[in-house]
Amino acid sequence: MTENTVNNNYCRDVVARFDHDRHLITLYAPQDKRGALCALYAFNYEISRIRESVSDPMLGEIRLQWWHEAIDDIYDGKVQKHDVMTPLAEAISLYQLPKDRVMDVLEGRRQDLYDDRPENLMALDDYLSLTAGSLTCLAVRIAGQRDIDDLAHMLGIAWGYVGIIRAIPYHLSLKKSYMPQDLMKKHGAGSAKFLNPDYPGVFQPIIKAVCREAEQKLEHIAQEKKRINADSRSVFLLSSLCRSYLKTIRKADYNPFKLEETAGAFGRQWHLLKAALFNRI
C-alpha cells in the first residue's frame, strides 16, 4: 500500500484549511506517513465541528452515533460512503490503529455537545486526554512509535489548553465554557459561567493558571525528548508551536480577548523550521 492510497485531496485540503498548524507539522513527517496523518486529522476536524453545526444536542448525538457506527464498520471490514472514511480506514489498517483510541476521540467530543463545565483541572485534563491526547497518540503510532503514549497525551493536553484559551471568544459565541469551575471560584468568578471581557482582573489569573499547566507538561516532554525517535519528532513539533502561542498569550497579559496573532503562516513556518533543525521539542 503506497502513500497515495492513504490520501485524497479532500483530507489534505480540509487539514490545510481548518487545522493549519497540524498541516504544517505534517509537512515534516516522512512522506509515506503524510496521507494517513491527513486522514486522521480530517476525521478529527469533522467530529470537532459537530457542536457548531447542530441546533440541539440530540442532533449532535445522532451525528456522533453515525461516526461511531462507521468506525465499528471499519474494524469489521466495511467502509461507509464518506470522503474521510476510505482514507481513514486505510490508515487504520496500514498502521494497526487501536479501536479504543479512535473511539476515545469520539467519546470526548460528546462532551462538546453539552453546556456542562469541567469541575476542576483534572476533569479538563480527562476531556483533553480523550480528544487531543488520544489523537496525538494515534498520530505518533502512524509515525512509528508505540512506547511514548504518556508523552503524546501530555502534548495533546498542553495543545488543548492553549487551544481553549485562544478560542474563548469563539466559545463565548456558542455559549460554551471550558474553564474549570474551581478555578473560576478561586479567583472570584464563581457565580459566572463565562469569562467576561469587561473584567480582565478576574479572569487573567485563571488564564495564567491554565497556561502554567500547559508549560509544565511541555517542560516534562522536553526533559524526556530522548525517548522520541526521529520519525515521531514531526508530531512533537506541535510543542514548539504551543510555546509560541503561550508567548503570545503572555504578551497579551493573559487576556484572550486581546490576542494579536499573525494571520499569515510564514512566522509559524519559520518557527517550525528552526525547531526541526535544532530539535527544539
C-alpha atoms as a PDB file:
ATOM      1  CA  MET A   1       0.000   0.000   0.000  1.00  0.00           C
ATOM      2  CA  THR A   2       1.526   3.307  -1.048  1.00  0.00           C
ATOM      3  CA  GLU A   3       1.195   6.745   0.461  1.00  0.00           C
ATOM      4  CA  ASN A   4      -1.251   7.776  -2.253  1.00  0.00           C
ATOM      5  CA  THR A   5      -3.750   5.083  -1.228  1.00  0.00           C
ATOM      6  CA  VAL A   6      -3.965   6.624   2.231  1.00  0.00           C
ATOM      7  CA  ASN A   7      -4.601  10.114   0.984  1.00  0.00           C
ATOM      8  CA  ASN A   8      -7.031  12.110  -1.070  1.00  0.00           C
ATOM      9  CA  ASN A   9      -7.476  15.738  -1.941  1.00  0.00           C
ATOM     10  CA  TYR A  10     -10.362  16.149   0.478  1.00  0.00           C
ATOM     11  CA  CYS A  11      -8.408  15.218   3.600  1.00  0.00           C
ATOM     12  CA  ARG A  12      -5.356  17.222   2.594  1.00  0.00           C
ATOM     13  CA  ASP A  13      -7.425  20.308   1.783  1.00  0.00           C
ATOM     14  CA  VAL A  14      -9.538  20.072   4.955  1.00  0.00           C
ATOM     15  CA  VAL A  15      -6.464  19.922   7.182  1.00  0.00           C
ATOM     16  CA  ALA A  16      -4.718  22.726   5.278  1.00  0.00           C
ATOM     17  CA  ARG A  17      -7.787  24.995   5.573  1.00  0.00           C
ATOM     18  CA  PHE A  18      -9.129  24.222   9.024  1.00  0.00           C
ATOM     19  CA  ASP A  19      -6.256  22.726  11.048  1.00  0.00           C
ATOM     20  CA  HIS A  20      -3.348  24.618   9.583  1.00  0.00           C
ATOM     21  CA  ASP A  21      -0.944  24.084  12.466  1.00  0.00           C
ATOM     22  CA  ARG A  22      -1.214  20.327  12.147  1.00  0.00           C
ATOM     23  CA  HIS A  23      -0.956  20.722   8.394  1.00  0.00           C
ATOM     24  CA  LEU A  24       2.386  22.468   8.886  1.00  0.00           C
ATOM     25  CA  ILE A  25       3.840  19.834  11.199  1.00  0.00           C
ATOM     26  CA  THR A  26       2.660  17.086   8.846  1.00  0.00           C
ATOM     27  CA  LEU A  27       4.972  18.541   6.198  1.00  0.00           C
ATOM     28  CA  TYR A  28       7.885  17.486   8.430  1.00  0.00           C
ATOM     29  CA  ALA A  29       6.668  13.876   8.655  1.00  0.00           C
ATOM     30  CA  PRO A  30       8.101  11.196   6.365  1.00  0.00           C
ATOM     31  CA  GLN A  31       6.352  11.464   3.027  1.00  0.00           C
ATOM     32  CA  ASP A  32       4.843   7.987   3.247  1.00  0.00           C
ATOM     33  CA  LYS A  33       3.113   8.904   6.533  1.00  0.00           C
ATOM     34  CA  ARG A  34       1.547  12.203   5.493  1.00  0.00           C
ATOM     35  CA  GLY A  35      -1.536  10.746   3.858  1.00  0.00           C
ATOM     36  CA  ALA A  36      -2.505   8.755   6.926  1.00  0.00           C
ATOM     37  CA  LEU A  37      -1.898  11.745   9.192  1.00  0.00           C
ATOM     38  CA  CYS A  38      -4.123  13.915   6.983  1.00  0.00           C
ATOM     39  CA  ALA A  39      -6.872  11.283   7.126  1.00  0.00           C
ATOM     40  CA  LEU A  40      -6.631  11.204  10.933  1.00  0.00           C
ATOM     41  CA  TYR A  41      -6.668  14.991  11.293  1.00  0.00           C
ATOM     42  CA  ALA A  42      -9.524  15.379   8.797  1.00  0.00           C
ATOM     43  CA  PHE A  43     -11.548  12.879  10.846  1.00  0.00           C
ATOM     44  CA  ASN A  44     -10.834  14.960  13.945  1.00  0.00           C
ATOM     45  CA  TYR A  45     -11.979  18.131  12.201  1.00  0.00           C
ATOM     46  CA  GLU A  46     -15.233  16.540  11.027  1.00  0.00           C
ATOM     47  CA  ILE A  47     -16.259  15.455  14.525  1.00  0.00           C
ATOM     48  CA  SER A  48     -14.953  18.585  16.274  1.00  0.00           C
ATOM     49  CA  ARG A  49     -17.323  20.828  14.330  1.00  0.00           C
ATOM     50  CA  ILE A  50     -20.486  18.911  15.169  1.00  0.00           C
ATOM     51  CA  ARG A  51     -21.384  21.214  18.077  1.00  0.00           C
ATOM     52  CA  GLU A  52     -21.376  24.318  15.906  1.00  0.00           C
ATOM     53  CA  SER A  53     -23.331  22.679  13.102  1.00  0.00           C
ATOM     54  CA  VAL A  54     -26.372  21.497  15.105  1.00  0.00           C
ATOM     55  CA  SER A  55     -29.088  23.398  16.936  1.00  0.00           C
ATOM     56  CA  ASP A  56     -29.762  20.728  19.559  1.00  0.00           C
ATOM     57  CA  PRO A  57     -27.525  18.263  21.453  1.00  0.00           C
ATOM     58  CA  MET A  58     -29.675  15.325  20.350  1.00  0.00           C
ATOM     59  CA  LEU A  59     -28.927  16.132  16.719  1.00  0.00           C
ATOM     60  CA  GLY A  60     -25.266  16.097  17.645  1.00  0.00           C
ATOM     61  CA  GLU A  61     -25.718  12.733  19.342  1.00  0.00           C
ATOM     62  CA  ILE A  62     -27.219  11.367  16.130  1.00  0.00           C
ATOM     63  CA  ARG A  63     -24.222  12.546  14.121  1.00  0.00           C
ATOM     64  CA  LEU A  64     -21.773  11.118  16.644  1.00  0.00           C
ATOM     65  CA  GLN A  65     -23.647   7.819  16.557  1.00  0.00           C
ATOM     66  CA  TRP A  66     -23.220   7.711  12.781  1.00  0.00           C
ATOM     67  CA  TRP A  67     -19.464   8.152  13.217  1.00  0.00           C
ATOM     68  CA  HIS A  68     -19.451   5.547  15.971  1.00  0.00           C
ATOM     69  CA  GLU A  69     -21.131   3.013  13.712  1.00  0.00           C
ATOM     70  CA  ALA A  70     -18.862   3.965  10.796  1.00  0.00           C
ATOM     71  CA  ILE A  71     -15.772   3.298  12.926  1.00  0.00           C
ATOM     72  CA  ASP A  72     -17.265  -0.012  14.054  1.00  0.00           C
ATOM     73  CA  ASP A  73     -17.774  -0.888  10.391  1.00  0.00           C
ATOM     74  CA  ILE A  74     -14.132  -0.136   9.559  1.00  0.00           C
ATOM     75  CA  TYR A  75     -12.954  -2.655  12.151  1.00  0.00           C
ATOM     76  CA  ASP A  76     -15.497  -5.131  10.755  1.00  0.00           C
ATOM     77  CA  GLY A  77     -14.048  -4.727   7.272  1.00  0.00           C
ATOM     78  CA  LYS A  78     -16.691  -2.371   5.848  1.00  0.00           C
ATOM     79  CA  VAL A  79     -16.392   1.293   4.850  1.00  0.00           C
ATOM     80  CA  GLN A  80     -19.228   3.836   4.834  1.00  0.00           C
ATOM     81  CA  LYS A  81     -19.514   6.289   1.962  1.00  0.00           C
ATOM     82  CA  HIS A  82     -17.834   9.481   3.140  1.00  0.00           C
ATOM     83  CA  ASP A  83     -14.857  11.455   1.879  1.00  0.00           C
ATOM     84  CA  VAL A  84     -12.929  10.791   5.102  1.00  0.00           C
ATOM     85  CA  MET A  85     -13.863   7.178   5.733  1.00  0.00           C
ATOM     86  CA  THR A  86     -11.930   5.433   2.949  1.00  0.00           C
ATOM     87  CA  PRO A  87      -8.551   7.062   3.687  1.00  0.00           C
ATOM     88  CA  LEU A  88      -9.178   6.735   7.435  1.00  0.00           C
ATOM     89  CA  ALA A  89      -9.971   3.022   7.031  1.00  0.00           C
ATOM     90  CA  GLU A  90      -6.760   2.563   5.039  1.00  0.00           C
ATOM     91  CA  ALA A  91      -4.740   4.397   7.693  1.00  0.00           C
ATOM     92  CA  ILE A  92      -6.298   2.260  10.457  1.00  0.00           C
ATOM     93  CA  SER A  93      -5.483  -0.922   8.540  1.00  0.00           C
ATOM     94  CA  LEU A  94      -1.972   0.039   7.485  1.00  0.00           C
ATOM     95  CA  TYR A  95      -0.836   1.276  10.902  1.00  0.00           C
ATOM     96  CA  GLN A  96      -2.980  -1.034  13.056  1.00  0.00           C
ATOM     97  CA  LEU A  97      -4.511   1.878  14.938  1.00  0.00           C
ATOM     98  CA  PRO A  98      -6.279   0.629  18.086  1.00  0.00           C
ATOM     99  CA  LYS A  99     -10.039   0.943  18.038  1.00  0.00           C
ATOM    100  CA  ASP A 100     -10.286   2.119  21.643  1.00  0.00           C
ATOM    101  CA  ARG A 101      -8.114   5.160  20.896  1.00  0.00           C
ATOM    102  CA  VAL A 102     -10.241   6.155  17.902  1.00  0.00           C
ATOM    103  CA  MET A 103     -13.415   5.720  19.938  1.00  0.00           C
ATOM    104  CA  ASP A 104     -11.915   7.800  22.756  1.00  0.00           C
ATOM    105  CA  VAL A 105     -11.694  10.772  20.402  1.00  0.00           C
ATOM    106  CA  LEU A 106     -15.373  10.346  19.550  1.00  0.00           C
ATOM    107  CA  GLU A 107     -16.411   9.900  23.173  1.00  0.00           C
ATOM    108  CA  GLY A 108     -14.571  13.049  24.206  1.00  0.00           C
ATOM    109  CA  ARG A 109     -16.381  15.057  21.553  1.00  0.00           C
ATOM    110  CA  ARG A 110     -19.713  14.072  23.087  1.00  0.00           C
ATOM    111  CA  GLN A 111     -18.867  16.446  25.937  1.00  0.00           C
ATOM    112  CA  ASP A 112     -18.752  19.310  23.436  1.00  0.00           C
ATOM    113  CA  LEU A 113     -22.479  18.977  22.817  1.00  0.00           C
ATOM    114  CA  TYR A 114     -23.498  19.968  26.331  1.00  0.00           C
ATOM    115  CA  ASP A 115     -23.001  23.095  28.416  1.00  0.00           C
ATOM    116  CA  ASP A 116     -21.585  21.363  31.483  1.00  0.00           C
ATOM    117  CA  ARG A 117     -18.279  22.861  32.561  1.00  0.00           C
ATOM    118  CA  PRO A 118     -15.411  20.786  33.971  1.00  0.00           C
ATOM    119  CA  GLU A 119     -15.415  20.852  37.757  1.00  0.00           C
ATOM    120  CA  ASN A 120     -11.642  21.196  38.004  1.00  0.00           C
ATOM    121  CA  LEU A 121      -8.398  20.950  36.067  1.00  0.00           C
ATOM    122  CA  MET A 122      -8.381  17.180  36.471  1.00  0.00           C
ATOM    123  CA  ALA A 123     -11.739  16.953  34.702  1.00  0.00           C
ATOM    124  CA  LEU A 124     -10.462  19.249  31.946  1.00  0.00           C
ATOM    125  CA  ASP A 125      -7.367  17.027  31.664  1.00  0.00           C
ATOM    126  CA  ASP A 126      -9.632  13.993  31.264  1.00  0.00           C
ATOM    127  CA  TYR A 127     -11.556  15.656  28.427  1.00  0.00           C
ATOM    128  CA  LEU A 128      -8.391  16.771  26.644  1.00  0.00           C
ATOM    129  CA  SER A 129      -6.789  13.377  27.166  1.00  0.00           C
ATOM    130  CA  LEU A 130      -9.693  11.763  25.314  1.00  0.00           C
ATOM    131  CA  THR A 131      -9.721  14.265  22.465  1.00  0.00           C
ATOM    132  CA  ALA A 132      -6.369  15.887  21.657  1.00  0.00           C
ATOM    133  CA  GLY A 133      -4.437  13.354  23.751  1.00  0.00           C
ATOM    134  CA  SER A 134      -5.822  10.267  22.006  1.00  0.00           C
ATOM    135  CA  LEU A 135      -5.487  11.978  18.628  1.00  0.00           C
ATOM    136  CA  THR A 136      -1.805  12.673  19.285  1.00  0.00           C
ATOM    137  CA  CYS A 137      -1.259   9.070  20.397  1.00  0.00           C
ATOM    138  CA  LEU A 138      -2.722   7.879  17.099  1.00  0.00           C
ATOM    139  CA  ALA A 139      -0.526  10.296  15.156  1.00  0.00           C
ATOM    140  CA  VAL A 140       2.581   9.034  16.963  1.00  0.00           C
ATOM    141  CA  ARG A 141       1.608   5.452  16.143  1.00  0.00           C
ATOM    142  CA  ILE A 142       1.342   6.399  12.485  1.00  0.00           C
ATOM    143  CA  ALA A 143       4.794   7.933  12.813  1.00  0.00           C
ATOM    144  CA  GLY A 144       6.018   4.558  14.026  1.00  0.00           C
ATOM    145  CA  GLN A 145       6.279   4.667  17.833  1.00  0.00           C
ATOM    146  CA  ARG A 146       4.160   2.790  20.359  1.00  0.00           C
ATOM    147  CA  ASP A 147       6.046   3.349  23.596  1.00  0.00           C
ATOM    148  CA  ILE A 148       5.522   7.064  24.261  1.00  0.00           C
ATOM    149  CA  ASP A 149       1.761   7.328  24.762  1.00  0.00           C
ATOM    150  CA  ASP A 150       2.399   9.185  28.022  1.00  0.00           C
ATOM    151  CA  LEU A 151       4.293  11.959  26.219  1.00  0.00           C
ATOM    152  CA  ALA A 152       1.756  12.042  23.372  1.00  0.00           C
ATOM    153  CA  HIS A 153      -1.082  12.502  25.859  1.00  0.00           C
ATOM    154  CA  MET A 154       0.812  15.303  27.589  1.00  0.00           C
ATOM    155  CA  LEU A 155       1.393  17.060  24.293  1.00  0.00           C
ATOM    156  CA  GLY A 156      -2.274  16.746  23.351  1.00  0.00           C
ATOM    157  CA  ILE A 157      -3.405  18.111  26.706  1.00  0.00           C
ATOM    158  CA  ALA A 158      -0.972  21.057  26.520  1.00  0.00           C
ATOM    159  CA  TRP A 159      -2.115  21.812  22.975  1.00  0.00           C
ATOM    160  CA  GLY A 160      -5.710  21.569  24.122  1.00  0.00           C
ATOM    161  CA  TYR A 161      -5.133  24.059  26.951  1.00  0.00           C
ATOM    162  CA  VAL A 162      -3.686  26.576  24.529  1.00  0.00           C
ATOM    163  CA  GLY A 163      -6.450  25.988  22.001  1.00  0.00           C
ATOM    164  CA  ILE A 164      -9.154  26.523  24.607  1.00  0.00           C
ATOM    165  CA  ILE A 165      -7.598  29.826  25.709  1.00  0.00           C
ATOM    166  CA  ARG A 166      -7.275  31.070  22.141  1.00  0.00           C
ATOM    167  CA  ALA A 167     -10.872  30.065  21.398  1.00  0.00           C
ATOM    168  CA  ILE A 168     -12.507  31.660  24.452  1.00  0.00           C
ATOM    169  CA  PRO A 169     -14.168  34.483  22.440  1.00  0.00           C
ATOM    170  CA  TYR A 170     -15.475  31.917  19.944  1.00  0.00           C
ATOM    171  CA  HIS A 171     -16.728  29.577  22.655  1.00  0.00           C
ATOM    172  CA  LEU A 172     -18.496  32.551  24.229  1.00  0.00           C
ATOM    173  CA  SER A 173     -20.465  32.962  20.993  1.00  0.00           C
ATOM    174  CA  LEU A 174     -21.513  29.295  21.302  1.00  0.00           C
ATOM    175  CA  LYS A 175     -22.479  29.770  24.975  1.00  0.00           C
ATOM    176  CA  LYS A 176     -19.861  27.176  25.870  1.00  0.00           C
ATOM    177  CA  SER A 177     -17.118  27.376  28.504  1.00  0.00           C
ATOM    178  CA  TYR A 178     -14.271  25.005  29.264  1.00  0.00           C
ATOM    179  CA  MET A 179     -12.879  26.956  32.208  1.00  0.00           C
ATOM    180  CA  PRO A 180     -12.793  24.751  35.357  1.00  0.00           C
ATOM    181  CA  GLN A 181     -15.351  25.731  37.973  1.00  0.00           C
ATOM    182  CA  ASP A 182     -12.892  25.519  40.866  1.00  0.00           C
ATOM    183  CA  LEU A 183     -10.511  27.984  39.180  1.00  0.00           C
ATOM    184  CA  MET A 184     -13.395  30.356  38.475  1.00  0.00           C
ATOM    185  CA  LYS A 185     -14.470  30.197  42.106  1.00  0.00           C
ATOM    186  CA  LYS A 186     -10.934  30.565  43.451  1.00  0.00           C
ATOM    187  CA  HIS A 187     -10.378  33.781  41.518  1.00  0.00           C
ATOM    188  CA  GLY A 188     -13.701  35.455  42.232  1.00  0.00           C
ATOM    189  CA  ALA A 189     -15.764  34.347  39.247  1.00  0.00           C
ATOM    190  CA  GLY A 190     -17.640  31.548  40.951  1.00  0.00           C
ATOM    191  CA  SER A 191     -21.100  32.848  40.060  1.00  0.00           C
ATOM    192  CA  ALA A 192     -20.163  33.456  36.418  1.00  0.00           C
ATOM    193  CA  LYS A 193     -20.452  30.855  33.696  1.00  0.00           C
ATOM    194  CA  PHE A 194     -18.311  32.664  31.139  1.00  0.00           C
ATOM    195  CA  LEU A 195     -15.254  34.878  31.315  1.00  0.00           C
ATOM    196  CA  ASN A 196     -16.339  38.486  30.907  1.00  0.00           C
ATOM    197  CA  PRO A 197     -14.126  40.637  28.668  1.00  0.00           C
ATOM    198  CA  ASP A 198     -15.030  43.650  30.810  1.00  0.00           C
ATOM    199  CA  TYR A 199     -13.333  42.195  33.916  1.00  0.00           C
ATOM    200  CA  PRO A 200      -9.767  41.207  32.972  1.00  0.00           C
ATOM    201  CA  GLY A 201      -8.625  41.460  36.581  1.00  0.00           C
ATOM    202  CA  VAL A 202     -10.845  38.482  37.404  1.00  0.00           C
ATOM    203  CA  PHE A 203     -10.027  36.156  34.524  1.00  0.00           C
ATOM    204  CA  GLN A 204      -6.321  36.887  33.983  1.00  0.00           C
ATOM    205  CA  PRO A 205      -5.173  34.742  36.948  1.00  0.00           C
ATOM    206  CA  ILE A 206      -7.431  31.954  35.668  1.00  0.00           C
ATOM    207  CA  ILE A 207      -5.806  32.054  32.232  1.00  0.00           C
ATOM    208  CA  LYS A 208      -2.369  32.285  33.843  1.00  0.00           C
ATOM    209  CA  ALA A 209      -3.057  29.138  35.874  1.00  0.00           C
ATOM    210  CA  VAL A 210      -4.131  27.201  32.773  1.00  0.00           C
ATOM    211  CA  CYS A 211      -1.024  28.397  30.912  1.00  0.00           C
ATOM    212  CA  ARG A 212       1.126  27.193  33.791  1.00  0.00           C
ATOM    213  CA  GLU A 213      -0.377  23.713  33.481  1.00  0.00           C
ATOM    214  CA  ALA A 214       0.469  23.660  29.769  1.00  0.00           C
ATOM    215  CA  GLU A 215       4.002  24.883  30.419  1.00  0.00           C
ATOM    216  CA  GLN A 216       4.627  22.152  32.998  1.00  0.00           C
ATOM    217  CA  LYS A 217       3.583  19.451  30.550  1.00  0.00           C
ATOM    218  CA  LEU A 218       5.762  20.918  27.801  1.00  0.00           C
ATOM    219  CA  GLU A 219       8.712  21.039  30.184  1.00  0.00           C
ATOM    220  CA  HIS A 220       8.264  17.371  31.033  1.00  0.00           C
ATOM    221  CA  ILE A 221       8.172  16.487  27.329  1.00  0.00           C
ATOM    222  CA  ALA A 222      11.375  18.460  26.749  1.00  0.00           C
ATOM    223  CA  GLN A 223      13.084  16.583  29.585  1.00  0.00           C
ATOM    224  CA  GLU A 224      12.045  13.249  28.043  1.00  0.00           C
ATOM    225  CA  LYS A 225      12.687  14.110  24.383  1.00  0.00           C
ATOM    226  CA  LYS A 226      15.423  11.482  24.056  1.00  0.00           C
ATOM    227  CA  ARG A 227      12.632   8.913  24.072  1.00  0.00           C
ATOM    228  CA  ILE A 228      11.168  10.429  20.893  1.00  0.00           C
ATOM    229  CA  ASN A 229      12.600   8.867  17.740  1.00  0.00           C
ATOM    230  CA  ALA A 230      13.421  10.748  14.553  1.00  0.00           C
ATOM    231  CA  ASP A 231      10.180   9.966  12.706  1.00  0.00           C
ATOM    232  CA  SER A 232       7.971  10.923  15.677  1.00  0.00           C
ATOM    233  CA  ARG A 233       9.642  14.293  16.126  1.00  0.00           C
ATOM    234  CA  SER A 234       7.421  15.814  13.446  1.00  0.00           C
ATOM    235  CA  VAL A 235       4.346  15.212  15.636  1.00  0.00           C
ATOM    236  CA  PHE A 236       6.107  16.725  18.653  1.00  0.00           C
ATOM    237  CA  LEU A 237       6.925  19.889  16.715  1.00  0.00           C
ATOM    238  CA  LEU A 238       3.461  20.874  17.927  1.00  0.00           C
ATOM    239  CA  SER A 239       5.122  21.609  21.265  1.00  0.00           C
ATOM    240  CA  SER A 240       7.162  24.364  19.604  1.00  0.00           C
ATOM    241  CA  LEU A 241       4.024  26.000  18.235  1.00  0.00           C
ATOM    242  CA  CYS A 242       2.419  25.572  21.652  1.00  0.00           C
ATOM    243  CA  ARG A 243       5.228  27.563  23.260  1.00  0.00           C
ATOM    244  CA  SER A 244       4.889  30.230  20.591  1.00  0.00           C
ATOM    245  CA  TYR A 245       1.182  30.635  21.313  1.00  0.00           C
ATOM    246  CA  LEU A 246       1.847  30.727  25.061  1.00  0.00           C
ATOM    247  CA  LYS A 247       4.285  33.560  24.428  1.00  0.00           C
ATOM    248  CA  THR A 248       1.560  35.422  22.523  1.00  0.00           C
ATOM    249  CA  ILE A 249      -0.863  34.884  25.409  1.00  0.00           C
ATOM    250  CA  ARG A 250       1.662  36.248  27.903  1.00  0.00           C
ATOM    251  CA  LYS A 251       2.285  39.225  25.628  1.00  0.00           C
ATOM    252  CA  ALA A 252      -1.454  39.943  25.754  1.00  0.00           C
ATOM    253  CA  ASP A 253      -1.211  39.898  29.567  1.00  0.00           C
ATOM    254  CA  TYR A 254      -3.285  36.707  29.702  1.00  0.00           C
ATOM    255  CA  ASN A 255      -6.237  38.412  28.060  1.00  0.00           C
ATOM    256  CA  PRO A 256      -7.738  36.088  25.415  1.00  0.00           C
ATOM    257  CA  PHE A 257      -9.883  38.949  24.139  1.00  0.00           C
ATOM    258  CA  LYS A 258      -6.785  40.924  23.138  1.00  0.00           C
ATOM    259  CA  LEU A 259      -4.683  38.270  21.448  1.00  0.00           C
ATOM    260  CA  GLU A 260      -2.845  39.571  18.409  1.00  0.00           C
ATOM    261  CA  GLU A 261      -1.902  36.551  16.358  1.00  0.00           C
ATOM    262  CA  THR A 262      -0.307  36.838  12.952  1.00  0.00           C
ATOM    263  CA  ALA A 263      -2.782  35.746  10.324  1.00  0.00           C
ATOM    264  CA  GLY A 264      -0.146  34.559   7.869  1.00  0.00           C
ATOM    265  CA  ALA A 265       1.674  31.258   8.141  1.00  0.00           C
ATOM    266  CA  PHE A 266       5.205  32.480   7.408  1.00  0.00           C
ATOM    267  CA  GLY A 267       6.069  33.185  11.057  1.00  0.00           C
ATOM    268  CA  ARG A 268       4.873  29.761  12.159  1.00  0.00           C
ATOM    269  CA  GLN A 269       6.714  28.104   9.266  1.00  0.00           C
ATOM    270  CA  TRP A 270       9.953  29.822  10.238  1.00  0.00           C
ATOM    271  CA  HIS A 271       9.414  28.902  13.882  1.00  0.00           C
ATOM    272  CA  LEU A 272       8.865  25.251  12.956  1.00  0.00           C
ATOM    273  CA  LEU A 273      11.888  25.168  10.671  1.00  0.00           C
ATOM    274  CA  LYS A 274      14.167  26.306  13.482  1.00  0.00           C
ATOM    275  CA  ALA A 275      12.571  23.843  15.880  1.00  0.00           C
ATOM    276  CA  ALA A 276      13.072  21.000  13.403  1.00  0.00           C
ATOM    277  CA  LEU A 277      16.685  21.934  12.635  1.00  0.00           C
ATOM    278  CA  PHE A 278      17.713  22.229  16.286  1.00  0.00           C
ATOM    279  CA  ASN A 279      15.386  19.527  17.718  1.00  0.00           C
ATOM    280  CA  ARG A 280      13.552  22.024  19.910  1.00  0.00           C
ATOM    281  CA  ILE A 281      10.771  19.931  21.371  1.00  0.00           C
END
